[in-house]
Amino acid sequence: MPVALCTMSHSPLMGRNDPDASIVAEVDAAFADARAFIADFAPDLVVIFAPDHYNGVFYDLLPPFCIGAAAQSVGDYGTQAGPLDVDRDAAYRIARTVLAAGVDTAFSERMHVDHGFAQALELLTGSITAVPTVPIFINSVGEPLCPVSRIRLLGNAVGQAAAALDRRVLLVGSGGLSHDPPVPRLDTAPPPVRETLISGRNPTPEQRAAREQRVIDAGRDFAAGVATIQPLNPGWDRNLLTVLASGELDEIDSWTNDWFVEQAGHSSHEVRTWIAAYAALAAQGAYRVRSSYYRPIPEWIAGFAVTTALPE
């Protein structure tokens, strides 16, 4: 059955620390084009790959991947809270195909997701319940991380499963590109933060507000050139987009986790969601990128991109 792809950067700073109005208009136009593409494709299932930012998945149990048969959005940064419209049967069918392909994945009947999922669904489809969905979490923050080659294999298996469904499937990758926001790391965090990273679900409203304000402040400092976080890397971002567009995804297998961090920041690992989505599309055969927007946006601490693609 037909399959299409849309990948996008997300940022909790959108609407909170915006760049010049002309740049916002550019991004809005890219999303408007993506929404028109999606409306024309008319998906009846969205398979979305996205990370978590210590809102739903913690070190008490941190899998490399997890497929959700039911999912609840925590509603961080003003995104929609509440249950996603998850297609449980499709989630089980995808999970069985992934496991049969030799890719170990966790499975959840009560997944918690954050803005990585919710913002993408809202921007692309209108809401977290607009289209039946299968959410697939890819760990992109909590080290140690699996080799990026495993992400390509995961995506390939999901693509095989999508092709076997009697559905019009939209593949979404949400994350990246180069960026290094102030996300705490277990090995350097003080004891109270370390405990939050291990088991920090359901913070108080005051705790969540303080955490979000720290990120907003970091975005303002970064745009002003006074932050200590790693700069964006437009060259790295454009090379990634070129490789994904080429269809020569085997090249990605040689990219090391340390190289990601050195070149593009700790959170550049979020492009694993893009790699998975493109690998799922490649499972259908040759493809072509229909549209590709890119701009580094310091105010959002992101190399920001939106792409759409279709099988040939």
C-alpha atoms as a PDB file:
ATOM      1  CA  MET A   1       0.000   0.000   0.000  1.00  0.00           C
ATOM      2  CA  PRO A   2       1.131   3.626  -0.471  1.00  0.00           C
ATOM      3  CA  VAL A   3       3.758   5.040   1.869  1.00  0.00           C
ATOM      4  CA  ALA A   4       4.994   8.631   2.207  1.00  0.00           C
ATOM      5  CA  LEU A   5       7.465  10.417   4.467  1.00  0.00           C
ATOM      6  CA  CYS A   6       7.756  13.695   6.331  1.00  0.00           C
ATOM      7  CA  THR A   7      10.658  14.478   8.647  1.00  0.00           C
ATOM      8  CA  MET A   8      10.991  17.604  10.744  1.00  0.00           C
ATOM      9  CA  SER A   9      12.988  19.243  13.464  1.00  0.00           C
ATOM     10  CA  HIS A  10      11.087  20.029  16.617  1.00  0.00           C
ATOM     11  CA  SER A  11      11.862  22.656  19.231  1.00  0.00           C
ATOM     12  CA  PRO A  12      10.095  23.553  22.475  1.00  0.00           C
ATOM     13  CA  LEU A  13      11.286  27.117  21.891  1.00  0.00           C
ATOM     14  CA  MET A  14       8.999  27.664  18.901  1.00  0.00           C
ATOM     15  CA  GLY A  15       6.648  30.462  19.902  1.00  0.00           C
ATOM     16  CA  ARG A  16       8.669  31.151  23.042  1.00  0.00           C
ATOM     17  CA  ASN A  17      11.951  32.479  21.700  1.00  0.00           C
ATOM     18  CA  ASP A  18      11.381  33.155  18.034  1.00  0.00           C
ATOM     19  CA  PRO A  19      13.866  34.463  15.458  1.00  0.00           C
ATOM     20  CA  ASP A  20      13.106  37.325  13.075  1.00  0.00           C
ATOM     21  CA  ALA A  21       9.548  37.296  11.708  1.00  0.00           C
ATOM     22  CA  SER A  22      10.828  36.598   8.185  1.00  0.00           C
ATOM     23  CA  ILE A  23      12.463  33.377   9.384  1.00  0.00           C
ATOM     24  CA  VAL A  24       9.323  32.321  11.238  1.00  0.00           C
ATOM     25  CA  ALA A  25       7.407  32.927   8.001  1.00  0.00           C
ATOM     26  CA  GLU A  26       9.861  30.681   6.128  1.00  0.00           C
ATOM     27  CA  VAL A  27       9.339  27.873   8.619  1.00  0.00           C
ATOM     28  CA  ASP A  28       5.578  28.375   8.558  1.00  0.00           C
ATOM     29  CA  ALA A  29       5.647  28.082   4.763  1.00  0.00           C
ATOM     30  CA  ALA A  30       7.661  24.856   4.980  1.00  0.00           C
ATOM     31  CA  PHE A  31       5.136  23.379   7.383  1.00  0.00           C
ATOM     32  CA  ALA A  32       2.217  24.595   5.278  1.00  0.00           C
ATOM     33  CA  ASP A  33       3.741  22.803   2.292  1.00  0.00           C
ATOM     34  CA  ALA A  34       4.249  19.647   4.362  1.00  0.00           C
ATOM     35  CA  ARG A  35       0.641  19.765   5.596  1.00  0.00           C
ATOM     36  CA  ALA A  36      -0.618  20.149   2.018  1.00  0.00           C
ATOM     37  CA  PHE A  37       1.526  17.190   0.971  1.00  0.00           C
ATOM     38  CA  ILE A  38       0.123  15.109   3.823  1.00  0.00           C
ATOM     39  CA  ALA A  39      -3.468  16.152   3.107  1.00  0.00           C
ATOM     40  CA  ASP A  40      -3.020  15.192  -0.542  1.00  0.00           C
ATOM     41  CA  PHE A  41      -1.546  11.823   0.462  1.00  0.00           C
ATOM     42  CA  ALA A  42      -4.447  11.331   2.928  1.00  0.00           C
ATOM     43  CA  PRO A  43      -2.814   8.886   5.350  1.00  0.00           C
ATOM     44  CA  ASP A  44      -4.983   6.617   7.437  1.00  0.00           C
ATOM     45  CA  LEU A  45      -2.034   5.667   9.681  1.00  0.00           C
ATOM     46  CA  VAL A  46       0.938   7.673  10.955  1.00  0.00           C
ATOM     47  CA  VAL A  47       4.016   5.782  12.116  1.00  0.00           C
ATOM     48  CA  ILE A  48       6.084   8.328  14.016  1.00  0.00           C
ATOM     49  CA  PHE A  49       9.668   7.929  15.231  1.00  0.00           C
ATOM     50  CA  ALA A  50      10.590  10.389  17.989  1.00  0.00           C
ATOM     51  CA  PRO A  51      12.842  10.719  21.038  1.00  0.00           C
ATOM     52  CA  ASP A  52      12.056  11.508  24.647  1.00  0.00           C
ATOM     53  CA  HIS A  53      13.623  14.199  26.810  1.00  0.00           C
ATOM     54  CA  TYR A  54      13.289  12.571  30.243  1.00  0.00           C
ATOM     55  CA  ASN A  55       9.555  13.133  30.325  1.00  0.00           C
ATOM     56  CA  GLY A  56       8.336   9.618  29.595  1.00  0.00           C
ATOM     57  CA  VAL A  57      11.366   7.320  29.533  1.00  0.00           C
ATOM     58  CA  PHE A  58      13.959   7.229  32.322  1.00  0.00           C
ATOM     59  CA  TYR A  59      16.981   5.291  33.491  1.00  0.00           C
ATOM     60  CA  ASP A  60      14.835   3.032  35.653  1.00  0.00           C
ATOM     61  CA  LEU A  61      14.231   1.202  32.357  1.00  0.00           C
ATOM     62  CA  LEU A  62      15.821   2.731  29.253  1.00  0.00           C
ATOM     63  CA  PRO A  63      15.353   0.684  26.057  1.00  0.00           C
ATOM     64  CA  PRO A  64      16.962   1.653  22.742  1.00  0.00           C
ATOM     65  CA  PHE A  65      13.546   1.413  21.036  1.00  0.00           C
ATOM     66  CA  CYS A  66       9.960   1.019  22.164  1.00  0.00           C
ATOM     67  CA  ILE A  67       6.779   0.582  20.134  1.00  0.00           C
ATOM     68  CA  GLY A  68       3.639   1.889  21.781  1.00  0.00           C
ATOM     69  CA  ALA A  69       0.291   0.103  21.631  1.00  0.00           C
ATOM     70  CA  ALA A  70      -1.162   2.917  23.748  1.00  0.00           C
ATOM     71  CA  ALA A  71       0.365   6.294  24.519  1.00  0.00           C
ATOM     72  CA  GLN A  72      -0.276   9.372  26.620  1.00  0.00           C
ATOM     73  CA  SER A  73       1.195  12.815  25.904  1.00  0.00           C
ATOM     74  CA  VAL A  74       2.516  14.583  29.011  1.00  0.00           C
ATOM     75  CA  GLY A  75       1.735  18.007  27.521  1.00  0.00           C
ATOM     76  CA  ASP A  76       5.103  19.684  28.091  1.00  0.00           C
ATOM     77  CA  TYR A  77       5.845  23.110  26.581  1.00  0.00           C
ATOM     78  CA  GLY A  78       2.183  23.722  25.879  1.00  0.00           C
ATOM     79  CA  THR A  79       1.705  20.699  23.623  1.00  0.00           C
ATOM     80  CA  GLN A  80      -1.518  18.723  23.764  1.00  0.00           C
ATOM     81  CA  ALA A  81      -1.859  16.458  26.773  1.00  0.00           C
ATOM     82  CA  GLY A  82      -3.827  13.247  26.818  1.00  0.00           C
ATOM     83  CA  PRO A  83      -4.058   9.967  24.923  1.00  0.00           C
ATOM     84  CA  LEU A  84      -2.921   9.559  21.346  1.00  0.00           C
ATOM     85  CA  ASP A  85      -5.204   7.674  18.955  1.00  0.00           C
ATOM     86  CA  VAL A  86      -2.947   4.622  18.781  1.00  0.00           C
ATOM     87  CA  ASP A  87      -3.790   1.777  16.433  1.00  0.00           C
ATOM     88  CA  ARG A  88      -3.085  -1.147  18.752  1.00  0.00           C
ATOM     89  CA  ASP A  89      -3.418  -3.836  16.089  1.00  0.00           C
ATOM     90  CA  ALA A  90      -0.993  -2.064  13.752  1.00  0.00           C
ATOM     91  CA  ALA A  91       1.463  -1.573  16.629  1.00  0.00           C
ATOM     92  CA  TYR A  92       1.463  -5.301  17.378  1.00  0.00           C
ATOM     93  CA  ARG A  93       1.885  -6.194  13.711  1.00  0.00           C
ATOM     94  CA  ILE A  94       4.816  -3.802  13.361  1.00  0.00           C
ATOM     95  CA  ALA A  95       6.410  -5.116  16.567  1.00  0.00           C
ATOM     96  CA  ARG A  96       6.151  -8.721  15.407  1.00  0.00           C
ATOM     97  CA  THR A  97       7.788  -7.849  12.080  1.00  0.00           C
ATOM     98  CA  VAL A  98      10.587  -5.913  13.780  1.00  0.00           C
ATOM     99  CA  LEU A  99      11.319  -8.754  16.196  1.00  0.00           C
ATOM    100  CA  ALA A 100      11.181 -11.338  13.409  1.00  0.00           C
ATOM    101  CA  ALA A 101      13.790  -9.266  11.545  1.00  0.00           C
ATOM    102  CA  GLY A 102      16.166  -9.702  14.484  1.00  0.00           C
ATOM    103  CA  VAL A 103      15.832  -6.183  15.871  1.00  0.00           C
ATOM    104  CA  ASP A 104      15.099  -6.262  19.590  1.00  0.00           C
ATOM    105  CA  THR A 105      12.507  -3.697  20.611  1.00  0.00           C
ATOM    106  CA  ALA A 106      10.593  -2.991  23.782  1.00  0.00           C
ATOM    107  CA  PHE A 107       6.817  -2.751  23.667  1.00  0.00           C
ATOM    108  CA  SER A 108       4.469  -0.665  25.781  1.00  0.00           C
ATOM    109  CA  GLU A 109       0.785  -0.702  26.567  1.00  0.00           C
ATOM    110  CA  ARG A 110       1.235   2.558  28.477  1.00  0.00           C
ATOM    111  CA  MET A 111       3.822   4.714  26.741  1.00  0.00           C
ATOM    112  CA  HIS A 112       4.354   8.285  27.899  1.00  0.00           C
ATOM    113  CA  VAL A 113       5.490  10.720  25.196  1.00  0.00           C
ATOM    114  CA  ASP A 114       6.479  14.377  25.196  1.00  0.00           C
ATOM    115  CA  HIS A 115       6.810  17.257  22.731  1.00  0.00           C
ATOM    116  CA  GLY A 116       9.023  15.143  20.464  1.00  0.00           C
ATOM    117  CA  PHE A 117       5.893  13.274  19.417  1.00  0.00           C
ATOM    118  CA  ALA A 118       3.144  15.764  20.213  1.00  0.00           C
ATOM    119  CA  GLN A 119       4.583  18.829  18.497  1.00  0.00           C
ATOM    120  CA  ALA A 120       5.146  16.909  15.265  1.00  0.00           C
ATOM    121  CA  LEU A 121       1.643  15.434  15.233  1.00  0.00           C
ATOM    122  CA  GLU A 122       0.098  18.823  15.959  1.00  0.00           C
ATOM    123  CA  LEU A 123       2.108  20.691  13.332  1.00  0.00           C
ATOM    124  CA  LEU A 124       1.670  18.069  10.602  1.00  0.00           C
ATOM    125  CA  THR A 125      -1.837  16.705  11.194  1.00  0.00           C
ATOM    126  CA  GLY A 126      -3.548  19.246  13.459  1.00  0.00           C
ATOM    127  CA  SER A 127      -3.684  17.281  16.704  1.00  0.00           C
ATOM    128  CA  ILE A 128      -2.382  14.218  18.518  1.00  0.00           C
ATOM    129  CA  THR A 129      -5.610  12.402  17.644  1.00  0.00           C
ATOM    130  CA  ALA A 130      -6.193  13.535  14.048  1.00  0.00           C
ATOM    131  CA  VAL A 131      -4.945  10.295  12.456  1.00  0.00           C
ATOM    132  CA  PRO A 132      -4.503   6.818  13.997  1.00  0.00           C
ATOM    133  CA  THR A 133      -0.884   6.514  15.034  1.00  0.00           C
ATOM    134  CA  VAL A 134       1.824   4.051  15.999  1.00  0.00           C
ATOM    135  CA  PRO A 135       4.432   5.826  18.166  1.00  0.00           C
ATOM    136  CA  ILE A 136       7.980   4.433  18.091  1.00  0.00           C
ATOM    137  CA  PHE A 137      10.386   5.812  20.680  1.00  0.00           C
ATOM    138  CA  ILE A 138      14.080   5.912  19.744  1.00  0.00           C
ATOM    139  CA  ASN A 139      16.486   6.653  22.571  1.00  0.00           C
ATOM    140  CA  SER A 140      18.511   9.644  21.456  1.00  0.00           C
ATOM    141  CA  VAL A 141      19.491  11.189  24.778  1.00  0.00           C
ATOM    142  CA  GLY A 142      20.293   8.609  27.463  1.00  0.00           C
ATOM    143  CA  GLU A 143      23.777   7.200  27.029  1.00  0.00           C
ATOM    144  CA  PRO A 144      24.979   4.573  26.303  1.00  0.00           C
ATOM    145  CA  LEU A 145      23.364   4.518  22.857  1.00  0.00           C
ATOM    146  CA  CYS A 146      23.236   1.637  20.413  1.00  0.00           C
ATOM    147  CA  PRO A 147      25.204   1.916  17.130  1.00  0.00           C
ATOM    148  CA  VAL A 148      23.421   4.023  14.531  1.00  0.00           C
ATOM    149  CA  SER A 149      23.469   1.019  12.179  1.00  0.00           C
ATOM    150  CA  ARG A 150      20.802  -0.549  14.400  1.00  0.00           C
ATOM    151  CA  ILE A 151      18.550   2.420  13.695  1.00  0.00           C
ATOM    152  CA  ARG A 152      18.731   1.784   9.976  1.00  0.00           C
ATOM    153  CA  LEU A 153      17.833  -1.881  10.544  1.00  0.00           C
ATOM    154  CA  LEU A 154      14.931  -0.872  12.793  1.00  0.00           C
ATOM    155  CA  GLY A 155      13.613   1.484  10.126  1.00  0.00           C
ATOM    156  CA  ASN A 156      13.955  -1.147   7.410  1.00  0.00           C
ATOM    157  CA  ALA A 157      11.928  -3.625   9.449  1.00  0.00           C
ATOM    158  CA  VAL A 158       9.235  -1.036  10.211  1.00  0.00           C
ATOM    159  CA  GLY A 159       9.105  -0.233   6.491  1.00  0.00           C
ATOM    160  CA  GLN A 160       8.552  -3.892   5.669  1.00  0.00           C
ATOM    161  CA  ALA A 161       5.729  -3.996   8.200  1.00  0.00           C
ATOM    162  CA  ALA A 162       4.187  -0.802   6.813  1.00  0.00           C
ATOM    163  CA  ALA A 163       4.206  -2.252   3.294  1.00  0.00           C
ATOM    164  CA  ALA A 164       2.276  -5.278   4.531  1.00  0.00           C
ATOM    165  CA  LEU A 165      -0.488  -3.208   6.118  1.00  0.00           C
ATOM    166  CA  ASP A 166      -3.605  -2.476   4.092  1.00  0.00           C
ATOM    167  CA  ARG A 167      -3.182   1.204   4.890  1.00  0.00           C
ATOM    168  CA  ARG A 168      -1.910   4.516   3.538  1.00  0.00           C
ATOM    169  CA  VAL A 169       1.046   4.973   5.888  1.00  0.00           C
ATOM    170  CA  LEU A 170       2.793   8.277   6.605  1.00  0.00           C
ATOM    171  CA  LEU A 171       6.261   7.829   8.092  1.00  0.00           C
ATOM    172  CA  VAL A 172       7.287  10.722  10.366  1.00  0.00           C
ATOM    173  CA  GLY A 173      10.709  11.388  11.886  1.00  0.00           C
ATOM    174  CA  SER A 174      10.801  14.091  14.562  1.00  0.00           C
ATOM    175  CA  GLY A 175      14.067  15.489  15.922  1.00  0.00           C
ATOM    176  CA  GLY A 176      17.449  17.104  15.307  1.00  0.00           C
ATOM    177  CA  LEU A 177      19.364  18.307  13.533  1.00  0.00           C
ATOM    178  CA  SER A 178      22.627  19.649  15.024  1.00  0.00           C
ATOM    179  CA  HIS A 179      21.954  20.980  18.498  1.00  0.00           C
ATOM    180  CA  ASP A 180      23.259  20.725  22.034  1.00  0.00           C
ATOM    181  CA  PRO A 181      20.585  22.064  24.400  1.00  0.00           C
ATOM    182  CA  PRO A 182      21.074  21.957  28.188  1.00  0.00           C
ATOM    183  CA  VAL A 183      19.854  18.385  28.720  1.00  0.00           C
ATOM    184  CA  PRO A 184      21.445  16.911  31.879  1.00  0.00           C
ATOM    185  CA  ARG A 185      23.592  13.778  31.579  1.00  0.00           C
ATOM    186  CA  LEU A 186      23.627  11.001  34.136  1.00  0.00           C
ATOM    187  CA  ASP A 187      27.414  10.835  34.447  1.00  0.00           C
ATOM    188  CA  THR A 188      27.784  14.531  35.330  1.00  0.00           C
ATOM    189  CA  ALA A 189      24.474  15.340  37.050  1.00  0.00           C
ATOM    190  CA  PRO A 190      24.352  16.224  40.767  1.00  0.00           C
ATOM    191  CA  PRO A 191      22.511  13.674  42.955  1.00  0.00           C
ATOM    192  CA  PRO A 192      19.024  15.312  42.881  1.00  0.00           C
ATOM    193  CA  VAL A 193      19.112  15.647  39.075  1.00  0.00           C
ATOM    194  CA  ARG A 194      20.520  12.148  38.754  1.00  0.00           C
ATOM    195  CA  GLU A 195      17.530  10.808  40.673  1.00  0.00           C
ATOM    196  CA  THR A 196      15.195  12.725  38.343  1.00  0.00           C
ATOM    197  CA  LEU A 197      16.868  11.118  35.340  1.00  0.00           C
ATOM    198  CA  ILE A 198      16.355   7.695  36.890  1.00  0.00           C
ATOM    199  CA  SER A 199      12.768   8.090  38.053  1.00  0.00           C
ATOM    200  CA  GLY A 200      11.372  11.551  37.375  1.00  0.00           C
ATOM    201  CA  ARG A 201       7.935  10.961  35.919  1.00  0.00           C
ATOM    202  CA  ASN A 202       5.036  13.228  36.948  1.00  0.00           C
ATOM    203  CA  PRO A 203       6.887  16.356  38.133  1.00  0.00           C
ATOM    204  CA  THR A 204       4.914  19.046  39.906  1.00  0.00           C
ATOM    205  CA  PRO A 205       3.701  21.976  37.781  1.00  0.00           C
ATOM    206  CA  GLU A 206       6.315  24.144  39.491  1.00  0.00           C
ATOM    207  CA  GLN A 207       9.114  21.684  38.688  1.00  0.00           C
ATOM    208  CA  ARG A 208       8.052  21.449  35.054  1.00  0.00           C
ATOM    209  CA  ALA A 209       7.782  25.246  34.732  1.00  0.00           C
ATOM    210  CA  ALA A 210      11.265  25.729  36.197  1.00  0.00           C
ATOM    211  CA  ARG A 211      12.728  23.128  33.859  1.00  0.00           C
ATOM    212  CA  GLU A 212      11.092  24.701  30.812  1.00  0.00           C
ATOM    213  CA  GLN A 213      12.237  28.183  31.829  1.00  0.00           C
ATOM    214  CA  ARG A 214      15.845  26.970  31.982  1.00  0.00           C
ATOM    215  CA  VAL A 215      15.584  25.830  28.367  1.00  0.00           C
ATOM    216  CA  ILE A 216      13.989  29.118  27.297  1.00  0.00           C
ATOM    217  CA  ASP A 217      16.773  31.064  29.032  1.00  0.00           C
ATOM    218  CA  ALA A 218      19.378  28.886  27.323  1.00  0.00           C
ATOM    219  CA  GLY A 219      17.816  29.634  23.944  1.00  0.00           C
ATOM    220  CA  ARG A 220      17.967  33.351  24.585  1.00  0.00           C
ATOM    221  CA  ASP A 221      21.588  33.146  25.732  1.00  0.00           C
ATOM    222  CA  PHE A 222      22.527  30.987  22.743  1.00  0.00           C
ATOM    223  CA  ALA A 223      20.972  33.428  20.277  1.00  0.00           C
ATOM    224  CA  ALA A 224      22.793  36.276  22.023  1.00  0.00           C
ATOM    225  CA  GLY A 225      26.102  34.437  21.724  1.00  0.00           C
ATOM    226  CA  VAL A 226      26.720  34.133  25.457  1.00  0.00           C
ATOM    227  CA  ALA A 227      25.783  30.468  26.024  1.00  0.00           C
ATOM    228  CA  THR A 228      28.440  27.800  26.552  1.00  0.00           C
ATOM    229  CA  ILE A 229      26.613  25.074  24.619  1.00  0.00           C
ATOM    230  CA  GLN A 230      28.038  23.717  21.372  1.00  0.00           C
ATOM    231  CA  PRO A 231      27.307  25.758  18.229  1.00  0.00           C
ATOM    232  CA  LEU A 232      25.095  24.514  15.431  1.00  0.00           C
ATOM    233  CA  ASN A 233      26.852  22.880  12.479  1.00  0.00           C
ATOM    234  CA  PRO A 234      25.122  23.740   9.180  1.00  0.00           C
ATOM    235  CA  GLY A 235      27.712  21.820   7.182  1.00  0.00           C
ATOM    236  CA  TRP A 236      27.003  18.643   9.129  1.00  0.00           C
ATOM    237  CA  ASP A 237      23.261  19.200   8.783  1.00  0.00           C
ATOM    238  CA  ARG A 238      23.435  19.668   5.021  1.00  0.00           C
ATOM    239  CA  ASN A 239      25.607  16.584   4.612  1.00  0.00           C
ATOM    240  CA  LEU A 240      23.032  14.539   6.533  1.00  0.00           C
ATOM    241  CA  LEU A 241      20.245  15.832   4.293  1.00  0.00           C
ATOM    242  CA  THR A 242      22.307  14.994   1.210  1.00  0.00           C
ATOM    243  CA  VAL A 243      22.980  11.437   2.374  1.00  0.00           C
ATOM    244  CA  LEU A 244      19.334  10.833   3.260  1.00  0.00           C
ATOM    245  CA  ALA A 245      18.204  12.200  -0.102  1.00  0.00           C
ATOM    246  CA  SER A 246      20.709  10.017  -1.973  1.00  0.00           C
ATOM    247  CA  GLY A 247      19.218   6.775  -0.686  1.00  0.00           C
ATOM    248  CA  GLU A 248      22.755   5.500   0.043  1.00  0.00           C
ATOM    249  CA  LEU A 249      21.901   4.834   3.663  1.00  0.00           C
ATOM    250  CA  ASP A 250      24.601   2.191   4.184  1.00  0.00           C
ATOM    251  CA  GLU A 251      27.064   5.078   4.545  1.00  0.00           C
ATOM    252  CA  ILE A 252      25.441   5.919   7.856  1.00  0.00           C
ATOM    253  CA  ASP A 253      26.632   2.630   9.394  1.00  0.00           C
ATOM    254  CA  SER A 254      30.168   4.028   9.655  1.00  0.00           C
ATOM    255  CA  TRP A 255      29.091   7.067  11.693  1.00  0.00           C
ATOM    256  CA  THR A 256      30.097   6.662  15.334  1.00  0.00           C
ATOM    257  CA  ASN A 257      28.227   7.994  18.328  1.00  0.00           C
ATOM    258  CA  ASP A 258      31.268  10.019  19.398  1.00  0.00           C
ATOM    259  CA  TRP A 259      31.425  11.598  15.932  1.00  0.00           C
ATOM    260  CA  PHE A 260      27.809  12.764  16.251  1.00  0.00           C
ATOM    261  CA  VAL A 261      28.620  14.544  19.521  1.00  0.00           C
ATOM    262  CA  GLU A 262      31.906  16.048  18.321  1.00  0.00           C
ATOM    263  CA  GLN A 263      30.418  17.400  15.117  1.00  0.00           C
ATOM    264  CA  ALA A 264      26.865  18.361  16.043  1.00  0.00           C
ATOM    265  CA  GLY A 265      26.234  18.167  19.794  1.00  0.00           C
ATOM    266  CA  HIS A 266      24.801  15.579  22.154  1.00  0.00           C
ATOM    267  CA  SER A 267      21.234  15.991  20.917  1.00  0.00           C
ATOM    268  CA  SER A 268      22.215  15.514  17.288  1.00  0.00           C
ATOM    269  CA  HIS A 269      21.488  11.865  18.071  1.00  0.00           C
ATOM    270  CA  GLU A 270      17.843  12.824  17.523  1.00  0.00           C
ATOM    271  CA  VAL A 271      18.488  12.470  13.788  1.00  0.00           C
ATOM    272  CA  ARG A 272      18.184   8.747  14.498  1.00  0.00           C
ATOM    273  CA  THR A 273      14.462   9.358  14.015  1.00  0.00           C
ATOM    274  CA  TRP A 274      15.129  10.705  10.511  1.00  0.00           C
ATOM    275  CA  ILE A 275      17.404   7.768   9.692  1.00  0.00           C
ATOM    276  CA  ALA A 276      14.728   5.317  10.820  1.00  0.00           C
ATOM    277  CA  ALA A 277      12.030   7.064   8.790  1.00  0.00           C
ATOM    278  CA  TYR A 278      14.153   7.183   5.623  1.00  0.00           C
ATOM    279  CA  ALA A 279      15.207   3.549   6.093  1.00  0.00           C
ATOM    280  CA  ALA A 280      11.520   2.611   6.385  1.00  0.00           C
ATOM    281  CA  LEU A 281      10.828   4.460   3.144  1.00  0.00           C
ATOM    282  CA  ALA A 282      13.826   2.797   1.474  1.00  0.00           C
ATOM    283  CA  ALA A 283      12.314  -0.587   2.316  1.00  0.00           C
ATOM    284  CA  GLN A 284       9.763   0.211  -0.413  1.00  0.00           C
ATOM    285  CA  GLY A 285      12.547   0.690  -2.990  1.00  0.00           C
ATOM    286  CA  ALA A 286      13.974   3.830  -4.576  1.00  0.00           C
ATOM    287  CA  TYR A 287      12.538   7.139  -3.409  1.00  0.00           C
ATOM    288  CA  ARG A 288      12.778  10.828  -4.209  1.00  0.00           C
ATOM    289  CA  VAL A 289      12.823  13.802  -1.875  1.00  0.00           C
ATOM    290  CA  ARG A 290       9.986  16.086  -2.886  1.00  0.00           C
ATOM    291  CA  SER A 291      10.854  19.080  -0.713  1.00  0.00           C
ATOM    292  CA  SER A 292      13.651  20.048   1.654  1.00  0.00           C
ATOM    293  CA  TYR A 293      13.796  23.168   3.815  1.00  0.00           C
ATOM    294  CA  TYR A 294      16.785  23.948   6.047  1.00  0.00           C
ATOM    295  CA  ARG A 295      18.009  26.847   8.160  1.00  0.00           C
ATOM    296  CA  PRO A 296      20.113  27.006  11.334  1.00  0.00           C
ATOM    297  CA  ILE A 297      18.003  28.781  13.956  1.00  0.00           C
ATOM    298  CA  PRO A 298      19.957  29.632  17.138  1.00  0.00           C
ATOM    299  CA  GLU A 299      16.852  30.990  18.885  1.00  0.00           C
ATOM    300  CA  TRP A 300      15.413  27.462  18.748  1.00  0.00           C
ATOM    301  CA  ILE A 301      18.811  25.822  19.420  1.00  0.00           C
ATOM    302  CA  ALA A 302      18.385  23.754  16.278  1.00  0.00           C
ATOM    303  CA  GLY A 303      19.554  23.139  12.807  1.00  0.00           C
ATOM    304  CA  PHE A 304      15.959  23.254  11.602  1.00  0.00           C
ATOM    305  CA  ALA A 305      14.728  21.224   8.634  1.00  0.00           C
ATOM    306  CA  VAL A 306      11.532  19.843   7.106  1.00  0.00           C
ATOM    307  CA  THR A 307      11.548  17.281   4.295  1.00  0.00           C
ATOM    308  CA  THR A 308       8.953  15.261   2.401  1.00  0.00           C
ATOM    309  CA  ALA A 309       9.569  12.228   0.196  1.00  0.00           C
ATOM    310  CA  LEU A 310       7.793   9.553  -1.815  1.00  0.00           C
ATOM    311  CA  PRO A 311       8.718   6.206  -3.371  1.00  0.00           C
ATOM    312  CA  GLU A 312       9.656   6.405  -7.036  1.00  0.00           C
END
